[in-house]
């Protein structure tokens, strides 16, 4: 019997931090992956990064050892995703860009192909309106880095079909991941709460209430959190945080989501967090 997961594989759209991380997760579990991006430089770096991420995941016991890895193929057009059994869209967190990509994908892949948007804040219903088959679309909010974190926040839209949920269940079983299914809405659960916290913490820095390390220390030492909100923001990427806050502010109108000036200033200065070598903290060279 033909196994479509190992024959057709999956496609990941977007070769940024999350897209390459998701590709590494799938390759490490033996699935063929087609990674699509319009940036040739990102695609050229992707194979080395995938190898590096899978090595880290194996060393930390989060990815399987000894199996046959899946193949990684790169492409610059969405047509390359046509054979895929599932597609994970992981382009930048801009609603218009995601909607355009998903609209085209829904005309490229076969009916019933799972379309998973890796969005951290944009409602599924909003993106589904751009597609010709909204029943095939749901949101998979992988956390960074996806090859180390076992659970994924999944948002089911009002039009998401049972078949799409079932296919996602098959994919997650192959990837060794657990879905935490929540309702649709701006920020879902995680970022509806987390972005308020990060933004508030940034405001305290701006006001001079406390330095970043002291704010984070309250959360780690007094409240038992693994990391504080500002270290978490650096891991997510401050540029991604600002983009997510913009999505939430536009859709809720709540002032809690209006990005703090300190946060915006750091992004404008190129301090995007760990990936750039500096954010609220300095990390040295990212090479």
C-alpha atoms as a PDB file:
ATOM      1  CA  UNK A   1       0.000   0.000   0.000  1.00  0.00           C
ATOM      2  CA  UNK A   2       1.338   3.423  -0.959  1.00  0.00           C
ATOM      3  CA  UNK A   3       2.065   5.693   1.995  1.00  0.00           C
ATOM      4  CA  UNK A   4       1.297   9.235   0.770  1.00  0.00           C
ATOM      5  CA  UNK A   5       3.130  10.837   3.698  1.00  0.00           C
ATOM      6  CA  UNK A   6       6.438   9.243   2.685  1.00  0.00           C
ATOM      7  CA  UNK A   7       5.718   9.379  -1.048  1.00  0.00           C
ATOM      8  CA  UNK A   8       4.244  12.858  -1.452  1.00  0.00           C
ATOM      9  CA  UNK A   9       5.694  14.381   1.704  1.00  0.00           C
ATOM     10  CA  UNK A  10       4.891  17.846   2.925  1.00  0.00           C
ATOM     11  CA  UNK A  11       5.617  21.333   1.653  1.00  0.00           C
ATOM     12  CA  UNK A  12       6.734  24.191   3.874  1.00  0.00           C
ATOM     13  CA  UNK A  13       6.242  27.686   2.482  1.00  0.00           C
ATOM     14  CA  UNK A  14       8.764  30.192   3.825  1.00  0.00           C
ATOM     15  CA  UNK A  15      12.431  29.544   4.597  1.00  0.00           C
ATOM     16  CA  UNK A  16      12.683  31.846   7.597  1.00  0.00           C
ATOM     17  CA  UNK A  17      13.434  30.742  11.141  1.00  0.00           C
ATOM     18  CA  UNK A  18      10.125  28.924  11.635  1.00  0.00           C
ATOM     19  CA  UNK A  19       9.898  27.437   8.157  1.00  0.00           C
ATOM     20  CA  UNK A  20      13.379  25.926   8.317  1.00  0.00           C
ATOM     21  CA  UNK A  21      12.721  24.699  11.860  1.00  0.00           C
ATOM     22  CA  UNK A  22       9.506  22.948  10.772  1.00  0.00           C
ATOM     23  CA  UNK A  23      11.341  21.478   7.776  1.00  0.00           C
ATOM     24  CA  UNK A  24      14.037  20.126  10.112  1.00  0.00           C
ATOM     25  CA  UNK A  25      11.382  18.525  12.333  1.00  0.00           C
ATOM     26  CA  UNK A  26       9.815  16.736   9.361  1.00  0.00           C
ATOM     27  CA  UNK A  27      13.104  15.668   7.746  1.00  0.00           C
ATOM     28  CA  UNK A  28      14.313  14.234  11.059  1.00  0.00           C
ATOM     29  CA  UNK A  29      11.160  12.077  11.206  1.00  0.00           C
ATOM     30  CA  UNK A  30      11.782  10.711   7.713  1.00  0.00           C
ATOM     31  CA  UNK A  31       9.322  12.811   5.720  1.00  0.00           C
ATOM     32  CA  UNK A  32      10.287  14.308   2.355  1.00  0.00           C
ATOM     33  CA  UNK A  33      10.016  18.102   2.501  1.00  0.00           C
ATOM     34  CA  UNK A  34       9.727  20.669  -0.261  1.00  0.00           C
ATOM     35  CA  UNK A  35      10.797  24.060   1.099  1.00  0.00           C
ATOM     36  CA  UNK A  36       9.558  27.018  -0.942  1.00  0.00           C
ATOM     37  CA  UNK A  37      10.747  30.619  -0.779  1.00  0.00           C
ATOM     38  CA  UNK A  38      11.357  33.433  -3.247  1.00  0.00           C
ATOM     39  CA  UNK A  39      14.690  34.262  -1.576  1.00  0.00           C
ATOM     40  CA  UNK A  40      17.497  32.236  -3.178  1.00  0.00           C
ATOM     41  CA  UNK A  41      19.914  33.118  -0.366  1.00  0.00           C
ATOM     42  CA  UNK A  42      17.578  31.709   2.288  1.00  0.00           C
ATOM     43  CA  UNK A  43      17.095  28.539   0.286  1.00  0.00           C
ATOM     44  CA  UNK A  44      20.853  28.167  -0.174  1.00  0.00           C
ATOM     45  CA  UNK A  45      21.368  28.311   3.602  1.00  0.00           C
ATOM     46  CA  UNK A  46      18.459  26.032   4.444  1.00  0.00           C
ATOM     47  CA  UNK A  47      20.108  22.572   3.997  1.00  0.00           C
ATOM     48  CA  UNK A  48      22.961  23.431   6.355  1.00  0.00           C
ATOM     49  CA  UNK A  49      20.545  24.856   8.915  1.00  0.00           C
ATOM     50  CA  UNK A  50      18.291  21.801   8.708  1.00  0.00           C
ATOM     51  CA  UNK A  51      21.299  19.559   9.335  1.00  0.00           C
ATOM     52  CA  UNK A  52      22.370  21.720  12.279  1.00  0.00           C
ATOM     53  CA  UNK A  53      18.883  21.809  13.817  1.00  0.00           C
ATOM     54  CA  UNK A  54      18.385  18.057  13.495  1.00  0.00           C
ATOM     55  CA  UNK A  55      21.752  17.458  15.157  1.00  0.00           C
ATOM     56  CA  UNK A  56      20.750  19.694  18.075  1.00  0.00           C
ATOM     57  CA  UNK A  57      17.374  18.008  18.347  1.00  0.00           C
ATOM     58  CA  UNK A  58      18.958  14.560  18.454  1.00  0.00           C
ATOM     59  CA  UNK A  59      21.541  15.598  21.043  1.00  0.00           C
ATOM     60  CA  UNK A  60      18.750  16.924  23.257  1.00  0.00           C
ATOM     61  CA  UNK A  61      16.657  13.792  22.830  1.00  0.00           C
ATOM     62  CA  UNK A  62      13.853  15.617  21.032  1.00  0.00           C
ATOM     63  CA  UNK A  63      14.359  14.059  17.592  1.00  0.00           C
ATOM     64  CA  UNK A  64      14.801  10.374  16.695  1.00  0.00           C
ATOM     65  CA  UNK A  65      18.277   8.877  16.218  1.00  0.00           C
ATOM     66  CA  UNK A  66      19.267   6.214  13.737  1.00  0.00           C
ATOM     67  CA  UNK A  67      16.355   6.543  11.307  1.00  0.00           C
ATOM     68  CA  UNK A  68      16.540   7.438   7.635  1.00  0.00           C
ATOM     69  CA  UNK A  69      16.047  11.183   7.260  1.00  0.00           C
ATOM     70  CA  UNK A  70      13.661  12.573   4.702  1.00  0.00           C
ATOM     71  CA  UNK A  71      14.879  14.419   1.645  1.00  0.00           C
ATOM     72  CA  UNK A  72      14.905  18.208   1.493  1.00  0.00           C
ATOM     73  CA  UNK A  73      14.085  19.834  -1.846  1.00  0.00           C
ATOM     74  CA  UNK A  74      14.018  23.601  -2.359  1.00  0.00           C
ATOM     75  CA  UNK A  75      11.954  25.580  -4.839  1.00  0.00           C
ATOM     76  CA  UNK A  76      11.040  29.172  -5.622  1.00  0.00           C
ATOM     77  CA  UNK A  77       7.436  28.752  -6.854  1.00  0.00           C
ATOM     78  CA  UNK A  78       4.293  27.518  -5.120  1.00  0.00           C
ATOM     79  CA  UNK A  79       3.668  25.052  -7.944  1.00  0.00           C
ATOM     80  CA  UNK A  80       6.321  22.856  -6.314  1.00  0.00           C
ATOM     81  CA  UNK A  81       3.894  22.233  -3.439  1.00  0.00           C
ATOM     82  CA  UNK A  82       1.318  20.587  -5.731  1.00  0.00           C
ATOM     83  CA  UNK A  83       2.135  16.924  -4.879  1.00  0.00           C
ATOM     84  CA  UNK A  84       2.326  17.484  -1.109  1.00  0.00           C
ATOM     85  CA  UNK A  85       0.007  15.593   1.239  1.00  0.00           C
ATOM     86  CA  UNK A  86       0.026  18.608   3.579  1.00  0.00           C
ATOM     87  CA  UNK A  87       1.297  22.183   3.297  1.00  0.00           C
ATOM     88  CA  UNK A  88       2.500  24.324   6.177  1.00  0.00           C
ATOM     89  CA  UNK A  89       2.546  28.024   5.316  1.00  0.00           C
ATOM     90  CA  UNK A  90       5.163  29.853   7.399  1.00  0.00           C
ATOM     91  CA  UNK A  91       5.630  33.193   5.674  1.00  0.00           C
ATOM     92  CA  UNK A  92       5.897  36.525   7.466  1.00  0.00           C
ATOM     93  CA  UNK A  93       3.150  37.448   9.953  1.00  0.00           C
ATOM     94  CA  UNK A  94       1.343  39.847   7.625  1.00  0.00           C
ATOM     95  CA  UNK A  95      -2.291  39.036   6.934  1.00  0.00           C
ATOM     96  CA  UNK A  96      -2.244  40.226   3.324  1.00  0.00           C
ATOM     97  CA  UNK A  97       0.853  38.189   2.495  1.00  0.00           C
ATOM     98  CA  UNK A  98      -0.468  35.046   4.154  1.00  0.00           C
ATOM     99  CA  UNK A  99      -3.875  35.412   2.499  1.00  0.00           C
ATOM    100  CA  UNK A 100      -2.277  35.804  -0.941  1.00  0.00           C
ATOM    101  CA  UNK A 101      -0.066  32.737  -0.480  1.00  0.00           C
ATOM    102  CA  UNK A 102      -2.907  30.588   0.891  1.00  0.00           C
ATOM    103  CA  UNK A 103      -5.244  31.703  -1.893  1.00  0.00           C
ATOM    104  CA  UNK A 104      -2.765  30.547  -4.526  1.00  0.00           C
ATOM    105  CA  UNK A 105      -1.948  27.338  -2.662  1.00  0.00           C
ATOM    106  CA  UNK A 106      -5.635  26.398  -2.525  1.00  0.00           C
ATOM    107  CA  UNK A 107      -5.674  26.412  -6.337  1.00  0.00           C
ATOM    108  CA  UNK A 108      -2.380  24.497  -6.673  1.00  0.00           C
ATOM    109  CA  UNK A 109      -2.876  21.502  -4.370  1.00  0.00           C
ATOM    110  CA  UNK A 110      -5.492  18.779  -4.677  1.00  0.00           C
ATOM    111  CA  UNK A 111      -8.795  19.082  -2.801  1.00  0.00           C
ATOM    112  CA  UNK A 112      -8.427  17.587   0.666  1.00  0.00           C
ATOM    113  CA  UNK A 113      -4.767  18.550   1.006  1.00  0.00           C
ATOM    114  CA  UNK A 114      -4.222  19.935   4.495  1.00  0.00           C
ATOM    115  CA  UNK A 115      -3.431  23.654   4.502  1.00  0.00           C
ATOM    116  CA  UNK A 116      -1.898  24.681   7.815  1.00  0.00           C
ATOM    117  CA  UNK A 117      -1.083  28.324   8.394  1.00  0.00           C
ATOM    118  CA  UNK A 118       1.658  28.806  10.961  1.00  0.00           C
ATOM    119  CA  UNK A 119       0.268  32.054  12.286  1.00  0.00           C
ATOM    120  CA  UNK A 120       0.630  33.300  15.828  1.00  0.00           C
ATOM    121  CA  UNK A 121      -2.250  35.756  15.811  1.00  0.00           C
ATOM    122  CA  UNK A 122      -4.295  36.007  12.592  1.00  0.00           C
ATOM    123  CA  UNK A 123      -7.714  34.322  12.900  1.00  0.00           C
ATOM    124  CA  UNK A 124      -8.236  31.242  10.735  1.00  0.00           C
ATOM    125  CA  UNK A 125     -11.612  32.537   9.547  1.00  0.00           C
ATOM    126  CA  UNK A 126      -9.996  35.671   8.171  1.00  0.00           C
ATOM    127  CA  UNK A 127      -7.421  33.718   6.151  1.00  0.00           C
ATOM    128  CA  UNK A 128      -9.924  31.043   5.099  1.00  0.00           C
ATOM    129  CA  UNK A 129     -11.970  33.710   3.327  1.00  0.00           C
ATOM    130  CA  UNK A 130      -9.128  34.058   0.802  1.00  0.00           C
ATOM    131  CA  UNK A 131      -9.100  30.374  -0.132  1.00  0.00           C
ATOM    132  CA  UNK A 132     -11.382  28.357  -2.384  1.00  0.00           C
ATOM    133  CA  UNK A 133     -11.543  25.465   0.128  1.00  0.00           C
ATOM    134  CA  UNK A 134     -11.802  26.881   3.666  1.00  0.00           C
ATOM    135  CA  UNK A 135     -12.575  23.408   5.041  1.00  0.00           C
ATOM    136  CA  UNK A 136      -8.961  22.396   4.358  1.00  0.00           C
ATOM    137  CA  UNK A 137      -7.456  25.246   6.417  1.00  0.00           C
ATOM    138  CA  UNK A 138      -6.498  25.389  10.085  1.00  0.00           C
ATOM    139  CA  UNK A 139      -3.819  27.122  12.142  1.00  0.00           C
ATOM    140  CA  UNK A 140      -0.769  25.373  13.568  1.00  0.00           C
ATOM    141  CA  UNK A 141       1.079  27.715  15.895  1.00  0.00           C
ATOM    142  CA  UNK A 142       4.447  25.975  16.267  1.00  0.00           C
ATOM    143  CA  UNK A 143       6.594  27.524  18.965  1.00  0.00           C
ATOM    144  CA  UNK A 144      10.247  28.356  18.389  1.00  0.00           C
ATOM    145  CA  UNK A 145      12.215  26.149  17.976  1.00  0.00           C
ATOM    146  CA  UNK A 146       9.675  23.673  16.568  1.00  0.00           C
ATOM    147  CA  UNK A 147      12.137  20.773  16.532  1.00  0.00           C
ATOM    148  CA  UNK A 148      12.520  20.983  20.332  1.00  0.00           C
ATOM    149  CA  UNK A 149       8.996  21.794  21.546  1.00  0.00           C
ATOM    150  CA  UNK A 150       6.635  18.820  21.710  1.00  0.00           C
ATOM    151  CA  UNK A 151       3.243  20.575  21.747  1.00  0.00           C
ATOM    152  CA  UNK A 152       1.636  22.812  19.122  1.00  0.00           C
ATOM    153  CA  UNK A 153      -1.237  25.229  19.595  1.00  0.00           C
ATOM    154  CA  UNK A 154      -3.832  24.390  16.936  1.00  0.00           C
ATOM    155  CA  UNK A 155      -6.754  26.671  16.104  1.00  0.00           C
ATOM    156  CA  UNK A 156      -9.734  25.228  14.291  1.00  0.00           C
ATOM    157  CA  UNK A 157     -11.696  27.745  12.282  1.00  0.00           C
ATOM    158  CA  UNK A 158     -15.489  27.743  11.996  1.00  0.00           C
ATOM    159  CA  UNK A 159     -15.207  26.195   8.523  1.00  0.00           C
ATOM    160  CA  UNK A 160     -12.341  23.781   9.206  1.00  0.00           C
ATOM    161  CA  UNK A 161     -13.515  20.286   8.287  1.00  0.00           C
ATOM    162  CA  UNK A 162     -13.163  17.047  10.212  1.00  0.00           C
ATOM    163  CA  UNK A 163     -11.029  15.631   7.386  1.00  0.00           C
ATOM    164  CA  UNK A 164      -8.466  18.408   7.847  1.00  0.00           C
ATOM    165  CA  UNK A 165      -8.316  17.756  11.588  1.00  0.00           C
ATOM    166  CA  UNK A 166      -7.887  14.034  10.958  1.00  0.00           C
ATOM    167  CA  UNK A 167      -5.057  14.598   8.496  1.00  0.00           C
ATOM    168  CA  UNK A 168      -3.355  16.928  10.960  1.00  0.00           C
ATOM    169  CA  UNK A 169      -3.625  14.164  13.556  1.00  0.00           C
ATOM    170  CA  UNK A 170      -1.833  11.787  11.185  1.00  0.00           C
ATOM    171  CA  UNK A 171       0.908  14.341  10.534  1.00  0.00           C
ATOM    172  CA  UNK A 172       1.472  15.067  14.212  1.00  0.00           C
ATOM    173  CA  UNK A 173       1.655  11.371  15.001  1.00  0.00           C
ATOM    174  CA  UNK A 174       4.441  11.048  12.414  1.00  0.00           C
ATOM    175  CA  UNK A 175       6.197  14.119  13.820  1.00  0.00           C
ATOM    176  CA  UNK A 176       5.844  13.070  17.451  1.00  0.00           C
ATOM    177  CA  UNK A 177       3.917  16.225  18.257  1.00  0.00           C
ATOM    178  CA  UNK A 178       0.824  16.827  20.378  1.00  0.00           C
ATOM    179  CA  UNK A 179      -1.924  19.230  19.323  1.00  0.00           C
ATOM    180  CA  UNK A 180      -3.541  21.519  21.878  1.00  0.00           C
ATOM    181  CA  UNK A 181      -6.730  22.555  20.079  1.00  0.00           C
ATOM    182  CA  UNK A 182      -8.225  25.944  20.927  1.00  0.00           C
ATOM    183  CA  UNK A 183     -10.886  28.193  19.461  1.00  0.00           C
ATOM    184  CA  UNK A 184     -10.302  30.728  16.719  1.00  0.00           C
ATOM    185  CA  UNK A 185      -9.713  34.414  17.418  1.00  0.00           C
ATOM    186  CA  UNK A 186      -6.925  37.033  17.432  1.00  0.00           C
ATOM    187  CA  UNK A 187      -3.834  35.585  19.119  1.00  0.00           C
ATOM    188  CA  UNK A 188      -5.690  32.320  19.881  1.00  0.00           C
ATOM    189  CA  UNK A 189      -4.770  31.564  23.531  1.00  0.00           C
ATOM    190  CA  UNK A 190      -0.981  31.842  23.722  1.00  0.00           C
ATOM    191  CA  UNK A 191      -0.426  35.239  22.166  1.00  0.00           C
ATOM    192  CA  UNK A 192      -3.666  36.747  23.386  1.00  0.00           C
ATOM    193  CA  UNK A 193      -2.061  36.464  26.824  1.00  0.00           C
ATOM    194  CA  UNK A 194       1.698  36.432  26.108  1.00  0.00           C
ATOM    195  CA  UNK A 195       1.847  39.555  23.928  1.00  0.00           C
ATOM    196  CA  UNK A 196       0.181  41.638  26.630  1.00  0.00           C
ATOM    197  CA  UNK A 197       2.803  40.399  29.084  1.00  0.00           C
ATOM    198  CA  UNK A 198       5.758  41.112  26.781  1.00  0.00           C
ATOM    199  CA  UNK A 199       4.407  44.545  25.879  1.00  0.00           C
ATOM    200  CA  UNK A 200       3.843  45.420  29.528  1.00  0.00           C
ATOM    201  CA  UNK A 201       7.337  44.244  30.441  1.00  0.00           C
ATOM    202  CA  UNK A 202       8.797  46.408  27.662  1.00  0.00           C
ATOM    203  CA  UNK A 203       6.829  49.382  29.004  1.00  0.00           C
ATOM    204  CA  UNK A 204       8.377  48.877  32.426  1.00  0.00           C
ATOM    205  CA  UNK A 205      11.825  49.063  30.818  1.00  0.00           C
ATOM    206  CA  UNK A 206      10.814  52.248  28.988  1.00  0.00           C
ATOM    207  CA  UNK A 207       9.538  53.775  32.245  1.00  0.00           C
ATOM    208  CA  UNK A 208      12.742  52.866  34.058  1.00  0.00           C
ATOM    209  CA  UNK A 209      10.893  50.685  36.561  1.00  0.00           C
ATOM    210  CA  UNK A 210      13.394  47.853  36.165  1.00  0.00           C
ATOM    211  CA  UNK A 211      16.096  46.541  33.861  1.00  0.00           C
ATOM    212  CA  UNK A 212      15.235  43.588  31.579  1.00  0.00           C
ATOM    213  CA  UNK A 213      17.200  41.101  33.698  1.00  0.00           C
ATOM    214  CA  UNK A 214      15.400  42.120  36.886  1.00  0.00           C
ATOM    215  CA  UNK A 215      11.984  41.850  35.238  1.00  0.00           C
ATOM    216  CA  UNK A 216      12.756  38.389  33.946  1.00  0.00           C
ATOM    217  CA  UNK A 217      14.239  37.352  37.297  1.00  0.00           C
ATOM    218  CA  UNK A 218      10.934  38.073  39.027  1.00  0.00           C
ATOM    219  CA  UNK A 219       9.248  35.595  36.678  1.00  0.00           C
ATOM    220  CA  UNK A 220      11.922  32.893  36.855  1.00  0.00           C
ATOM    221  CA  UNK A 221      12.888  33.132  40.539  1.00  0.00           C
ATOM    222  CA  UNK A 222       9.630  34.227  42.161  1.00  0.00           C
ATOM    223  CA  UNK A 223       7.027  32.664  39.873  1.00  0.00           C
ATOM    224  CA  UNK A 224       8.875  29.598  38.622  1.00  0.00           C
ATOM    225  CA  UNK A 225       8.674  30.384  34.904  1.00  0.00           C
ATOM    226  CA  UNK A 226      11.365  28.821  32.709  1.00  0.00           C
ATOM    227  CA  UNK A 227      12.114  32.193  31.115  1.00  0.00           C
ATOM    228  CA  UNK A 228      10.931  35.729  31.700  1.00  0.00           C
ATOM    229  CA  UNK A 229       8.855  37.700  29.189  1.00  0.00           C
ATOM    230  CA  UNK A 230      11.757  39.683  27.730  1.00  0.00           C
ATOM    231  CA  UNK A 231      14.041  36.690  27.236  1.00  0.00           C
ATOM    232  CA  UNK A 232      11.053  34.975  25.640  1.00  0.00           C
ATOM    233  CA  UNK A 233      10.578  37.967  23.345  1.00  0.00           C
ATOM    234  CA  UNK A 234      14.217  37.742  22.274  1.00  0.00           C
ATOM    235  CA  UNK A 235      13.728  34.065  21.438  1.00  0.00           C
ATOM    236  CA  UNK A 236      10.563  34.749  19.435  1.00  0.00           C
ATOM    237  CA  UNK A 237      12.210  37.699  17.683  1.00  0.00           C
ATOM    238  CA  UNK A 238      11.314  41.288  18.572  1.00  0.00           C
ATOM    239  CA  UNK A 239      10.359  41.982  14.962  1.00  0.00           C
ATOM    240  CA  UNK A 240       7.883  39.095  15.140  1.00  0.00           C
ATOM    241  CA  UNK A 241       6.566  40.403  18.453  1.00  0.00           C
ATOM    242  CA  UNK A 242       5.933  43.853  16.968  1.00  0.00           C
ATOM    243  CA  UNK A 243       4.207  42.303  13.936  1.00  0.00           C
ATOM    244  CA  UNK A 244       2.015  40.162  16.185  1.00  0.00           C
ATOM    245  CA  UNK A 245       1.119  43.123  18.392  1.00  0.00           C
ATOM    246  CA  UNK A 246       0.076  45.043  15.267  1.00  0.00           C
ATOM    247  CA  UNK A 247      -2.227  42.190  14.241  1.00  0.00           C
ATOM    248  CA  UNK A 248      -3.794  42.065  17.694  1.00  0.00           C
ATOM    249  CA  UNK A 249      -4.177  45.831  18.023  1.00  0.00           C
ATOM    250  CA  UNK A 250      -5.793  46.113  14.583  1.00  0.00           C
ATOM    251  CA  UNK A 251      -8.292  43.363  15.361  1.00  0.00           C
ATOM    252  CA  UNK A 252      -9.147  44.149  18.981  1.00  0.00           C
ATOM    253  CA  UNK A 253      -8.513  47.878  19.332  1.00  0.00           C
ATOM    254  CA  UNK A 254      -7.216  47.184  22.850  1.00  0.00           C
ATOM    255  CA  UNK A 255      -4.460  49.568  23.947  1.00  0.00           C
ATOM    256  CA  UNK A 256      -2.661  46.737  25.712  1.00  0.00           C
ATOM    257  CA  UNK A 257      -1.549  45.602  22.250  1.00  0.00           C
ATOM    258  CA  UNK A 258      -0.213  48.969  21.060  1.00  0.00           C
ATOM    259  CA  UNK A 259       3.507  48.210  20.684  1.00  0.00           C
ATOM    260  CA  UNK A 260       5.675  49.957  23.274  1.00  0.00           C
ATOM    261  CA  UNK A 261       8.088  52.567  21.913  1.00  0.00           C
ATOM    262  CA  UNK A 262      11.091  50.782  23.458  1.00  0.00           C
ATOM    263  CA  UNK A 263      10.154  47.596  21.637  1.00  0.00           C
ATOM    264  CA  UNK A 264       9.701  49.374  18.303  1.00  0.00           C
ATOM    265  CA  UNK A 265      12.957  51.300  18.741  1.00  0.00           C
ATOM    266  CA  UNK A 266      14.934  48.110  19.283  1.00  0.00           C
ATOM    267  CA  UNK A 267      13.473  46.590  16.127  1.00  0.00           C
ATOM    268  CA  UNK A 268      14.291  49.707  14.094  1.00  0.00           C
ATOM    269  CA  UNK A 269      17.855  49.513  15.415  1.00  0.00           C
ATOM    270  CA  UNK A 270      18.154  45.938  14.148  1.00  0.00           C
ATOM    271  CA  UNK A 271      18.038  44.424  17.642  1.00  0.00           C
ATOM    272  CA  UNK A 272      15.673  41.569  16.798  1.00  0.00           C
ATOM    273  CA  UNK A 273      16.699  39.194  19.575  1.00  0.00           C
ATOM    274  CA  UNK A 274      18.769  36.031  19.534  1.00  0.00           C
ATOM    275  CA  UNK A 275      18.719  35.674  15.756  1.00  0.00           C
ATOM    276  CA  UNK A 276      20.377  39.086  15.269  1.00  0.00           C
ATOM    277  CA  UNK A 277      22.735  38.806  18.247  1.00  0.00           C
ATOM    278  CA  UNK A 278      20.968  41.423  20.358  1.00  0.00           C
ATOM    279  CA  UNK A 279      17.492  42.315  21.574  1.00  0.00           C
ATOM    280  CA  UNK A 280      16.757  43.100  25.193  1.00  0.00           C
ATOM    281  CA  UNK A 281      19.977  41.169  25.844  1.00  0.00           C
ATOM    282  CA  UNK A 282      23.258  40.855  23.967  1.00  0.00           C
ATOM    283  CA  UNK A 283      24.123  37.407  22.603  1.00  0.00           C
ATOM    284  CA  UNK A 284      27.357  38.070  20.723  1.00  0.00           C
ATOM    285  CA  UNK A 285      27.906  36.890  17.150  1.00  0.00           C
ATOM    286  CA  UNK A 286      25.127  34.898  15.465  1.00  0.00           C
ATOM    287  CA  UNK A 287      27.547  33.332  13.012  1.00  0.00           C
END
